[in-house]
Structures are given as C-alpha cells and as structure tokens.
Amino acid sequence: MGLELREWAAKWVEGSIISYVRGRTPLNMVVGRIRRALNSYGLRMDEVEALIDTIENSPVYLPSLGKDEKAVRLKPVKEALTSLQGEGRPPIRKPGGEGGC
C-alpha cells in the first residue's frame, strides 16, 4: 500500500474523529471510516489509537475543550475500537468468487 494513501487515510480518520467530537459526524460513520482505513488503506490499529491519544492530549486539537471533556467525548470511539479489534480483518475475496471462507 502506498505511503501517500496511508497518510491520506490517517488524515481522513483524524478529521472524522474530530468531527465526531464536535458533534458533526455520527459515531457509526466514524467507525465505518476507521474500519475502511484498517481494511482497505493499510492503516494499523496502533496508528488509529495514537491519533486518538494525540487528539485527546494535544491542545492544538479542539483547543476550546479541556482534556477531561475530550476524554468523555472520545470514550465511545475508544469503545468502538475495542470491538473492532475483536473483529479481525475480513477474508480477501478474489475476482470470480475464489478464496475467503
């Protein structure tokens, strides 16, 4: 997977999470974008967790919110990540229906 595509996916996830914290994007959409970034664009779970930690701890992101308020608003995203970790990656299907389960 190209580095530029992974970087784009990281920015997409980061923006989606920030939009969720601001109340502009629903949680299910953010989780779907994270899932897509993990499964299709080569982003790793530890990279997503690092993005969330950075958003929570850095005053650059959402400066009008305190760290405690950011933690409260990010909790559902963190919980959703926990459930995503249990899913694993879906099997890759080859054209013509071969492969997979």
PDB file of N, CA and C in Angstrom:
ATOM      1  N   MET A   1       0.861  -1.169   0.000  1.00  0.00           N
ATOM      2  CA  MET A   1       0.000   0.000   0.000  1.00  0.00           C
ATOM      3  C   MET A   1       0.906   1.230   0.000  1.00  0.00           C
ATOM      4  N   GLY A   2       0.590   2.199  -0.833  1.00  0.00           N
ATOM      5  CA  GLY A   2       1.415   3.386  -0.942  1.00  0.00           C
ATOM      6  C   GLY A   2       1.384   4.235   0.306  1.00  0.00           C
ATOM      7  N   LEU A   3       2.535   4.832   0.596  1.00  0.00           N
ATOM      8  CA  LEU A   3       2.658   5.675   1.784  1.00  0.00           C
ATOM      9  C   LEU A   3       1.690   6.864   1.711  1.00  0.00           C
ATOM     10  N   GLU A   4       1.550   7.452   0.516  1.00  0.00           N
ATOM     11  CA  GLU A   4       0.654   8.601   0.379  1.00  0.00           C
ATOM     12  C   GLU A   4      -0.793   8.217   0.696  1.00  0.00           C
ATOM     13  N   LEU A   5      -1.197   7.041   0.280  1.00  0.00           N
ATOM     14  CA  LEU A   5      -2.565   6.589   0.538  1.00  0.00           C
ATOM     15  C   LEU A   5      -2.788   6.348   2.034  1.00  0.00           C
ATOM     16  N   ARG A   6      -1.804   5.756   2.698  1.00  0.00           N
ATOM     17  CA  ARG A   6      -1.915   5.548   4.151  1.00  0.00           C
ATOM     18  C   ARG A   6      -1.960   6.879   4.891  1.00  0.00           C
ATOM     19  N   GLU A   7      -1.151   7.841   4.451  1.00  0.00           N
ATOM     20  CA  GLU A   7      -1.162   9.159   5.079  1.00  0.00           C
ATOM     21  C   GLU A   7      -2.515   9.834   4.884  1.00  0.00           C
ATOM     22  N   TRP A   8      -3.073   9.705   3.681  1.00  0.00           N
ATOM     23  CA  TRP A   8      -4.392  10.261   3.414  1.00  0.00           C
ATOM     24  C   TRP A   8      -5.427   9.609   4.336  1.00  0.00           C
ATOM     25  N   ALA A   9      -5.365   8.282   4.461  1.00  0.00           N
ATOM     26  CA  ALA A   9      -6.324   7.558   5.305  1.00  0.00           C
ATOM     27  C   ALA A   9      -6.199   8.010   6.760  1.00  0.00           C
ATOM     28  N   ALA A  10      -4.978   8.249   7.220  1.00  0.00           N
ATOM     29  CA  ALA A  10      -4.772   8.714   8.596  1.00  0.00           C
ATOM     30  C   ALA A  10      -5.414  10.090   8.788  1.00  0.00           C
ATOM     31  N   LYS A  11      -5.249  10.978   7.821  1.00  0.00           N
ATOM     32  CA  LYS A  11      -5.859  12.310   7.910  1.00  0.00           C
ATOM     33  C   LYS A  11      -7.385  12.217   7.845  1.00  0.00           C
ATOM     34  N   TRP A  12      -7.888  11.284   7.038  1.00  0.00           N
ATOM     35  CA  TRP A  12      -9.334  11.070   6.912  1.00  0.00           C
ATOM     36  C   TRP A  12      -9.919  10.617   8.249  1.00  0.00           C
ATOM     37  N   VAL A  13      -9.250   9.665   8.882  1.00  0.00           N
ATOM     38  CA  VAL A  13      -9.703   9.170  10.186  1.00  0.00           C
ATOM     39  C   VAL A  13      -9.588  10.271  11.238  1.00  0.00           C
ATOM     40  N   GLU A  14      -8.472  10.983  11.234  1.00  0.00           N
ATOM     41  CA  GLU A  14      -8.274  12.071  12.191  1.00  0.00           C
ATOM     42  C   GLU A  14      -9.382  13.120  12.064  1.00  0.00           C
ATOM     43  N   GLY A  15      -9.660  13.556  10.858  1.00  0.00           N
ATOM     44  CA  GLY A  15     -10.709  14.543  10.633  1.00  0.00           C
ATOM     45  C   GLY A  15     -12.080  14.026  11.027  1.00  0.00           C
ATOM     46  N   SER A  16     -12.324  12.748  10.771  1.00  0.00           N
ATOM     47  CA  SER A  16     -13.604  12.138  11.134  1.00  0.00           C
ATOM     48  C   SER A  16     -13.794  12.105  12.645  1.00  0.00           C
ATOM     49  N   ILE A  17     -12.735  11.772  13.361  1.00  0.00           N
ATOM     50  CA  ILE A  17     -12.814  11.720  14.826  1.00  0.00           C
ATOM     51  C   ILE A  17     -13.045  13.121  15.392  1.00  0.00           C
ATOM     52  N   ILE A  18     -12.326  14.101  14.877  1.00  0.00           N
ATOM     53  CA  ILE A  18     -12.503  15.482  15.333  1.00  0.00           C
ATOM     54  C   ILE A  18     -13.928  15.951  15.043  1.00  0.00           C
ATOM     55  N   SER A  19     -14.430  15.616  13.866  1.00  0.00           N
ATOM     56  CA  SER A  19     -15.805  15.978  13.510  1.00  0.00           C
ATOM     57  C   SER A  19     -16.809  15.319  14.453  1.00  0.00           C
ATOM     58  N   TYR A  20     -16.550  14.082  14.847  1.00  0.00           N
ATOM     59  CA  TYR A  20     -17.421  13.398  15.816  1.00  0.00           C
ATOM     60  C   TYR A  20     -17.415  14.124  17.159  1.00  0.00           C
ATOM     61  N   VAL A  21     -16.233  14.476  17.633  1.00  0.00           N
ATOM     62  CA  VAL A  21     -16.126  15.154  18.933  1.00  0.00           C
ATOM     63  C   VAL A  21     -16.876  16.483  18.897  1.00  0.00           C
ATOM     64  N   ARG A  22     -16.863  17.147  17.744  1.00  0.00           N
ATOM     65  CA  ARG A  22     -17.587  18.416  17.594  1.00  0.00           C
ATOM     66  C   ARG A  22     -19.092  18.209  17.445  1.00  0.00           C
ATOM     67  N   GLY A  23     -19.531  16.951  17.279  1.00  0.00           N
ATOM     68  CA  GLY A  23     -20.948  16.659  17.141  1.00  0.00           C
ATOM     69  C   GLY A  23     -21.476  16.760  15.724  1.00  0.00           C
ATOM     70  N   ARG A  24     -20.586  16.722  14.738  1.00  0.00           N
ATOM     71  CA  ARG A  24     -20.989  16.898  13.344  1.00  0.00           C
ATOM     72  C   ARG A  24     -21.073  15.597  12.548  1.00  0.00           C
ATOM     73  N   THR A  25     -20.480  14.535  13.054  1.00  0.00           N
ATOM     74  CA  THR A  25     -20.473  13.250  12.350  1.00  0.00           C
ATOM     75  C   THR A  25     -20.922  12.167  13.324  1.00  0.00           C
ATOM     76  N   PRO A  26     -21.854  11.305  12.907  1.00  0.00           N
ATOM     77  CA  PRO A  26     -22.316  10.244  13.809  1.00  0.00           C
ATOM     78  C   PRO A  26     -21.239   9.183  14.046  1.00  0.00           C
ATOM     79  N   LEU A  27     -21.323   8.554  15.207  1.00  0.00           N
ATOM     80  CA  LEU A  27     -20.330   7.554  15.602  1.00  0.00           C
ATOM     81  C   LEU A  27     -20.259   6.412  14.600  1.00  0.00           C
ATOM     82  N   ASN A  28     -21.409   5.926  14.131  1.00  0.00           N
ATOM     83  CA  ASN A  28     -21.371   4.787  13.208  1.00  0.00           C
ATOM     84  C   ASN A  28     -20.623   5.118  11.921  1.00  0.00           C
ATOM     85  N   MET A  29     -20.677   6.364  11.470  1.00  0.00           N
ATOM     86  CA  MET A  29     -19.942   6.767  10.281  1.00  0.00           C
ATOM     87  C   MET A  29     -18.437   6.798  10.558  1.00  0.00           C
ATOM     88  N   VAL A  30     -18.058   7.287  11.725  1.00  0.00           N
ATOM     89  CA  VAL A  30     -16.644   7.324  12.102  1.00  0.00           C
ATOM     90  C   VAL A  30     -16.086   5.905  12.200  1.00  0.00           C
ATOM     91  N   VAL A  31     -16.851   5.011  12.828  1.00  0.00           N
ATOM     92  CA  VAL A  31     -16.405   3.621  12.968  1.00  0.00           C
ATOM     93  C   VAL A  31     -16.265   2.975  11.588  1.00  0.00           C
ATOM     94  N   GLY A  32     -17.193   3.252  10.698  1.00  0.00           N
ATOM     95  CA  GLY A  32     -17.095   2.721   9.343  1.00  0.00           C
ATOM     96  C   GLY A  32     -15.866   3.230   8.613  1.00  0.00           C
ATOM     97  N   ARG A  33     -15.547   4.490   8.801  1.00  0.00           N
ATOM     98  CA  ARG A  33     -14.346   5.056   8.161  1.00  0.00           C
ATOM     99  C   ARG A  33     -13.083   4.442   8.746  1.00  0.00           C
ATOM    100  N   ILE A  34     -13.072   4.236  10.054  1.00  0.00           N
ATOM    101  CA  ILE A  34     -11.908   3.590  10.675  1.00  0.00           C
ATOM    102  C   ILE A  34     -11.767   2.172  10.141  1.00  0.00           C
ATOM    103  N   ARG A  35     -12.872   1.449  10.074  1.00  0.00           N
ATOM    104  CA  ARG A  35     -12.850   0.076   9.562  1.00  0.00           C
ATOM    105  C   ARG A  35     -12.319   0.054   8.120  1.00  0.00           C
ATOM    106  N   ARG A  36     -12.785   0.984   7.304  1.00  0.00           N
ATOM    107  CA  ARG A  36     -12.328   1.054   5.913  1.00  0.00           C
ATOM    108  C   ARG A  36     -10.839   1.363   5.845  1.00  0.00           C
ATOM    109  N   ALA A  37     -10.385   2.286   6.675  1.00  0.00           N
ATOM    110  CA  ALA A  37      -8.966   2.636   6.680  1.00  0.00           C
ATOM    111  C   ALA A  37      -8.106   1.446   7.102  1.00  0.00           C
ATOM    112  N   LEU A  38      -8.580   0.676   8.069  1.00  0.00           N
ATOM    113  CA  LEU A  38      -7.838  -0.503   8.526  1.00  0.00           C
ATOM    114  C   LEU A  38      -7.816  -1.597   7.466  1.00  0.00           C
ATOM    115  N   ASN A  39      -8.957  -1.852   6.854  1.00  0.00           N
ATOM    116  CA  ASN A  39      -9.080  -2.984   5.947  1.00  0.00           C
ATOM    117  C   ASN A  39      -8.653  -2.689   4.512  1.00  0.00           C
ATOM    118  N   SER A  40      -8.780  -1.443   4.081  1.00  0.00           N
ATOM    119  CA  SER A  40      -8.532  -1.145   2.675  1.00  0.00           C
ATOM    120  C   SER A  40      -7.324  -0.258   2.408  1.00  0.00           C
ATOM    121  N   TYR A  41      -6.940   0.546   3.380  1.00  0.00           N
ATOM    122  CA  TYR A  41      -5.879   1.518   3.132  1.00  0.00           C
ATOM    123  C   TYR A  41      -4.605   1.257   3.924  1.00  0.00           C
ATOM    124  N   GLY A  42      -4.542   0.148   4.630  1.00  0.00           N
ATOM    125  CA  GLY A  42      -3.306  -0.252   5.295  1.00  0.00           C
ATOM    126  C   GLY A  42      -2.990   0.445   6.601  1.00  0.00           C
ATOM    127  N   LEU A  43      -3.945   1.210   7.130  1.00  0.00           N
ATOM    128  CA  LEU A  43      -3.711   1.830   8.429  1.00  0.00           C
ATOM    129  C   LEU A  43      -3.738   0.743   9.502  1.00  0.00           C
ATOM    130  N   ARG A  44      -2.919   0.886  10.519  1.00  0.00           N
ATOM    131  CA  ARG A  44      -2.865  -0.110  11.595  1.00  0.00           C
ATOM    132  C   ARG A  44      -3.632   0.401  12.809  1.00  0.00           C
ATOM    133  N   MET A  45      -4.105  -0.527  13.604  1.00  0.00           N
ATOM    134  CA  MET A  45      -4.877  -0.185  14.800  1.00  0.00           C
ATOM    135  C   MET A  45      -4.063   0.702  15.741  1.00  0.00           C
ATOM    136  N   ASP A  46      -2.776   0.402  15.907  1.00  0.00           N
ATOM    137  CA  ASP A  46      -1.954   1.222  16.805  1.00  0.00           C
ATOM    138  C   ASP A  46      -1.829   2.659  16.285  1.00  0.00           C
ATOM    139  N   GLU A  47      -1.891   2.847  14.978  1.00  0.00           N
ATOM    140  CA  GLU A  47      -1.850   4.199  14.421  1.00  0.00           C
ATOM    141  C   GLU A  47      -3.145   4.949  14.736  1.00  0.00           C
ATOM    142  N   VAL A  48      -4.272   4.259  14.651  1.00  0.00           N
ATOM    143  CA  VAL A  48      -5.560   4.881  14.996  1.00  0.00           C
ATOM    144  C   VAL A  48      -5.578   5.238  16.481  1.00  0.00           C
ATOM    145  N   GLU A  49      -5.102   4.333  17.324  1.00  0.00           N
ATOM    146  CA  GLU A  49      -5.042   4.609  18.764  1.00  0.00           C
ATOM    147  C   GLU A  49      -4.143   5.803  19.049  1.00  0.00           C
ATOM    148  N   ALA A  50      -3.031   5.914  18.325  1.00  0.00           N
ATOM    149  CA  ALA A  50      -2.126   7.048  18.509  1.00  0.00           C
ATOM    150  C   ALA A  50      -2.797   8.355  18.088  1.00  0.00           C
ATOM    151  N   LEU A  51      -3.591   8.313  17.007  1.00  0.00           N
ATOM    152  CA  LEU A  51      -4.327   9.509  16.585  1.00  0.00           C
ATOM    153  C   LEU A  51      -5.296   9.965  17.673  1.00  0.00           C
ATOM    154  N   ILE A  52      -6.011   9.021  18.246  1.00  0.00           N
ATOM    155  CA  ILE A  52      -6.968   9.354  19.300  1.00  0.00           C
ATOM    156  C   ILE A  52      -6.248   9.938  20.514  1.00  0.00           C
ATOM    157  N   ASP A  53      -5.128   9.335  20.903  1.00  0.00           N
ATOM    158  CA  ASP A  53      -4.356   9.860  22.041  1.00  0.00           C
ATOM    159  C   ASP A  53      -3.856  11.273  21.761  1.00  0.00           C
ATOM    160  N   THR A  54      -3.415  11.517  20.540  1.00  0.00           N
ATOM    161  CA  THR A  54      -2.926  12.844  20.179  1.00  0.00           C
ATOM    162  C   THR A  54      -4.050  13.868  20.234  1.00  0.00           C
ATOM    163  N   ILE A  55      -5.208  13.515  19.697  1.00  0.00           N
ATOM    164  CA  ILE A  55      -6.357  14.427  19.733  1.00  0.00           C
ATOM    165  C   ILE A  55      -6.751  14.728  21.180  1.00  0.00           C
ATOM    166  N   GLU A  56      -6.713  13.703  22.014  1.00  0.00           N
ATOM    167  CA  GLU A  56      -7.107  13.875  23.412  1.00  0.00           C
ATOM    168  C   GLU A  56      -6.115  14.723  24.206  1.00  0.00           C
ATOM    169  N   ASN A  57      -4.840  14.538  23.969  1.00  0.00           N
ATOM    170  CA  ASN A  57      -3.826  15.159  24.814  1.00  0.00           C
ATOM    171  C   ASN A  57      -3.251  16.468  24.289  1.00  0.00           C
ATOM    172  N   SER A  58      -3.379  16.740  23.011  1.00  0.00           N
ATOM    173  CA  SER A  58      -2.764  17.938  22.439  1.00  0.00           C
ATOM    174  C   SER A  58      -3.725  19.124  22.489  1.00  0.00           C
ATOM    175  N   PRO A  59      -3.239  20.261  22.977  1.00  0.00           N
ATOM    176  CA  PRO A  59      -4.095  21.454  22.985  1.00  0.00           C
ATOM    177  C   PRO A  59      -4.314  22.030  21.583  1.00  0.00           C
ATOM    178  N   VAL A  60      -3.556  21.557  20.602  1.00  0.00           N
ATOM    179  CA  VAL A  60      -3.718  22.018  19.227  1.00  0.00           C
ATOM    180  C   VAL A  60      -5.063  21.564  18.660  1.00  0.00           C
ATOM    181  N   TYR A  61      -5.470  20.350  19.027  1.00  0.00           N
ATOM    182  CA  TYR A  61      -6.738  19.812  18.574  1.00  0.00           C
ATOM    183  C   TYR A  61      -7.848  20.234  19.531  1.00  0.00           C
ATOM    184  N   LEU A  62      -8.870  20.849  19.000  1.00  0.00           N
ATOM    185  CA  LEU A  62     -10.039  21.250  19.777  1.00  0.00           C
ATOM    186  C   LEU A  62      -9.643  22.069  21.013  1.00  0.00           C
ATOM    187  N   PRO A  63      -8.999  23.206  20.792  1.00  0.00           N
ATOM    188  CA  PRO A  63      -8.485  23.993  21.926  1.00  0.00           C
ATOM    189  C   PRO A  63      -9.569  24.529  22.863  1.00  0.00           C
ATOM    190  N   SER A  64     -10.813  24.588  22.390  1.00  0.00           N
ATOM    191  CA  SER A  64     -11.881  25.104  23.256  1.00  0.00           C
ATOM    192  C   SER A  64     -12.361  24.070  24.275  1.00  0.00           C
ATOM    193  N   LEU A  65     -11.931  22.817  24.108  1.00  0.00           N
ATOM    194  CA  LEU A  65     -12.320  21.756  25.039  1.00  0.00           C
ATOM    195  C   LEU A  65     -11.154  21.400  25.948  1.00  0.00           C
ATOM    196  N   GLY A  66     -11.455  21.153  27.206  1.00  0.00           N
ATOM    197  CA  GLY A  66     -10.436  20.689  28.135  1.00  0.00           C
ATOM    198  C   GLY A  66     -10.141  19.215  27.901  1.00  0.00           C
ATOM    199  N   LYS A  67      -9.062  18.742  28.485  1.00  0.00           N
ATOM    200  CA  LYS A  67      -8.668  17.347  28.312  1.00  0.00           C
ATOM    201  C   LYS A  67      -9.751  16.390  28.831  1.00  0.00           C
ATOM    202  N   ASP A  68     -10.359  16.725  29.959  1.00  0.00           N
ATOM    203  CA  ASP A  68     -11.407  15.864  30.519  1.00  0.00           C
ATOM    204  C   ASP A  68     -12.614  15.771  29.590  1.00  0.00           C
ATOM    205  N   GLU A  69     -13.024  16.900  29.027  1.00  0.00           N
ATOM    206  CA  GLU A  69     -14.165  16.909  28.118  1.00  0.00           C
ATOM    207  C   GLU A  69     -13.849  16.108  26.848  1.00  0.00           C
ATOM    208  N   LYS A  70     -12.620  16.261  26.336  1.00  0.00           N
ATOM    209  CA  LYS A  70     -12.219  15.473  25.156  1.00  0.00           C
ATOM    210  C   LYS A  70     -12.246  13.987  25.482  1.00  0.00           C
ATOM    211  N   ALA A  71     -11.779  13.630  26.674  1.00  0.00           N
ATOM    212  CA  ALA A  71     -11.764  12.214  27.068  1.00  0.00           C
ATOM    213  C   ALA A  71     -13.179  11.646  27.112  1.00  0.00           C
ATOM    214  N   VAL A  72     -14.119  12.418  27.633  1.00  0.00           N
ATOM    215  CA  VAL A  72     -15.511  11.966  27.709  1.00  0.00           C
ATOM    216  C   VAL A  72     -16.075  11.769  26.305  1.00  0.00           C
ATOM    217  N   ARG A  73     -15.808  12.718  25.422  1.00  0.00           N
ATOM    218  CA  ARG A  73     -16.358  12.639  24.068  1.00  0.00           C
ATOM    219  C   ARG A  73     -15.679  11.565  23.220  1.00  0.00           C
ATOM    220  N   LEU A  74     -14.431  11.242  23.529  1.00  0.00           N
ATOM    221  CA  LEU A  74     -13.705  10.215  22.765  1.00  0.00           C
ATOM    222  C   LEU A  74     -13.964   8.801  23.282  1.00  0.00           C
ATOM    223  N   LYS A  75     -14.552   8.687  24.466  1.00  0.00           N
ATOM    224  CA  LYS A  75     -14.769   7.362  25.051  1.00  0.00           C
ATOM    225  C   LYS A  75     -15.558   6.420  24.133  1.00  0.00           C
ATOM    226  N   PRO A  76     -16.663   6.865  23.500  1.00  0.00           N
ATOM    227  CA  PRO A  76     -17.380   5.952  22.597  1.00  0.00           C
ATOM    228  C   PRO A  76     -16.529   5.484  21.414  1.00  0.00           C
ATOM    229  N   VAL A  77     -15.645   6.340  20.928  1.00  0.00           N
ATOM    230  CA  VAL A  77     -14.764   5.946  19.826  1.00  0.00           C
ATOM    231  C   VAL A  77     -13.794   4.876  20.304  1.00  0.00           C
ATOM    232  N   LYS A  78     -13.238   5.066  21.491  1.00  0.00           N
ATOM    233  CA  LYS A  78     -12.312   4.071  22.049  1.00  0.00           C
ATOM    234  C   LYS A  78     -13.011   2.732  22.274  1.00  0.00           C
ATOM    235  N   GLU A  79     -14.250   2.783  22.758  1.00  0.00           N
ATOM    236  CA  GLU A  79     -15.009   1.553  22.972  1.00  0.00           C
ATOM    237  C   GLU A  79     -15.293   0.851  21.643  1.00  0.00           C
ATOM    238  N   ALA A  80     -15.602   1.620  20.624  1.00  0.00           N
ATOM    239  CA  ALA A  80     -15.842   1.043  19.298  1.00  0.00           C
ATOM    240  C   ALA A  80     -14.575   0.410  18.745  1.00  0.00           C
ATOM    241  N   LEU A  81     -13.425   1.019  19.024  1.00  0.00           N
ATOM    242  CA  LEU A  81     -12.149   0.437  18.587  1.00  0.00           C
ATOM    243  C   LEU A  81     -11.915  -0.917  19.233  1.00  0.00           C
ATOM    244  N   THR A  82     -12.291  -1.038  20.492  1.00  0.00           N
ATOM    245  CA  THR A  82     -12.147  -2.311  21.192  1.00  0.00           C
ATOM    246  C   THR A  82     -12.948  -3.395  20.488  1.00  0.00           C
ATOM    247  N   SER A  83     -14.163  -3.056  20.056  1.00  0.00           N
ATOM    248  CA  SER A  83     -14.969  -4.054  19.346  1.00  0.00           C
ATOM    249  C   SER A  83     -14.398  -4.344  17.963  1.00  0.00           C
ATOM    250  N   LEU A  84     -13.789  -3.352  17.328  1.00  0.00           N
ATOM    251  CA  LEU A  84     -13.155  -3.586  16.021  1.00  0.00           C
ATOM    252  C   LEU A  84     -11.960  -4.519  16.146  1.00  0.00           C
ATOM    253  N   GLN A  85     -11.231  -4.425  17.246  1.00  0.00           N
ATOM    254  CA  GLN A  85     -10.068  -5.294  17.441  1.00  0.00           C
ATOM    255  C   GLN A  85     -10.492  -6.755  17.496  1.00  0.00           C
ATOM    256  N   GLY A  86     -11.665  -7.020  18.015  1.00  0.00           N
ATOM    257  CA  GLY A  86     -12.160  -8.386  18.095  1.00  0.00           C
ATOM    258  C   GLY A  86     -12.627  -8.934  16.761  1.00  0.00           C
ATOM    259  N   GLU A  87     -12.948  -8.049  15.820  1.00  0.00           N
ATOM    260  CA  GLU A  87     -13.444  -8.482  14.522  1.00  0.00           C
ATOM    261  C   GLU A  87     -12.364  -9.115  13.661  1.00  0.00           C
ATOM    262  N   GLY A  88     -11.174  -8.572  13.711  1.00  0.00           N
ATOM    263  CA  GLY A  88     -10.141  -9.022  12.786  1.00  0.00           C
ATOM    264  C   GLY A  88     -10.445  -8.503  11.393  1.00  0.00           C
ATOM    265  N   ARG A  89      -9.617  -8.856  10.460  1.00  0.00           N
ATOM    266  CA  ARG A  89      -9.826  -8.419   9.080  1.00  0.00           C
ATOM    267  C   ARG A  89     -10.649  -9.443   8.333  1.00  0.00           C
ATOM    268  N   PRO A  90     -11.540  -8.986   7.480  1.00  0.00           N
ATOM    269  CA  PRO A  90     -12.332  -9.938   6.706  1.00  0.00           C
ATOM    270  C   PRO A  90     -11.458 -10.638   5.674  1.00  0.00           C
ATOM    271  N   PRO A  91     -11.851 -11.837   5.231  1.00  0.00           N
ATOM    272  CA  PRO A  91     -11.068 -12.537   4.215  1.00  0.00           C
ATOM    273  C   PRO A  91     -11.077 -11.764   2.905  1.00  0.00           C
ATOM    274  N   ILE A  92      -9.965 -11.826   2.191  1.00  0.00           N
ATOM    275  CA  ILE A  92      -9.863 -11.159   0.906  1.00  0.00           C
ATOM    276  C   ILE A  92     -10.481 -12.080  -0.147  1.00  0.00           C
ATOM    277  N   ARG A  93     -11.406 -11.524  -0.881  1.00  0.00           N
ATOM    278  CA  ARG A  93     -12.077 -12.298  -1.939  1.00  0.00           C
ATOM    279  C   ARG A  93     -11.422 -11.976  -3.273  1.00  0.00           C
ATOM    280  N   LYS A  94     -11.109 -13.003  -4.013  1.00  0.00           N
ATOM    281  CA  LYS A  94     -10.524 -12.828  -5.348  1.00  0.00           C
ATOM    282  C   LYS A  94     -11.650 -12.701  -6.363  1.00  0.00           C
ATOM    283  N   PRO A  95     -11.394 -12.023  -7.476  1.00  0.00           N
ATOM    284  CA  PRO A  95     -12.416 -11.949  -8.523  1.00  0.00           C
ATOM    285  C   PRO A  95     -12.828 -13.344  -8.961  1.00  0.00           C
ATOM    286  N   GLY A  96     -14.101 -13.527  -9.192  1.00  0.00           N
ATOM    287  CA  GLY A  96     -14.590 -14.833  -9.605  1.00  0.00           C
ATOM    288  C   GLY A  96     -15.065 -15.674  -8.439  1.00  0.00           C
ATOM    289  N   GLY A  97     -15.074 -15.100  -7.230  1.00  0.00           N
ATOM    290  CA  GLY A  97     -15.613 -15.808  -6.072  1.00  0.00           C
ATOM    291  C   GLY A  97     -14.666 -16.783  -5.411  1.00  0.00           C
ATOM    292  N   GLU A  98     -13.412 -16.834  -5.804  1.00  0.00           N
ATOM    293  CA  GLU A  98     -12.468 -17.746  -5.159  1.00  0.00           C
ATOM    294  C   GLU A  98     -11.944 -17.128  -3.868  1.00  0.00           C
ATOM    295  N   GLY A  99     -11.457 -17.970  -2.987  1.00  0.00           N
ATOM    296  CA  GLY A  99     -10.832 -17.500  -1.759  1.00  0.00           C
ATOM    297  C   GLY A  99     -11.856 -17.186  -0.676  1.00  0.00           C
ATOM    298  N   GLY A 100     -11.374 -16.721   0.446  1.00  0.00           N
ATOM    299  CA  GLY A 100     -12.259 -16.399   1.560  1.00  0.00           C
ATOM    300  C   GLY A 100     -12.683 -17.638   2.312  1.00  0.00           C
ATOM    301  N   CYS A 101     -13.872 -17.572   2.900  1.00  0.00           N
ATOM    302  CA  CYS A 101     -14.361 -18.643   3.759  1.00  0.00           C
ATOM    303  C   CYS A 101     -14.727 -19.843   2.984  1.00  0.00           C
TER     304      CYS A 101
END
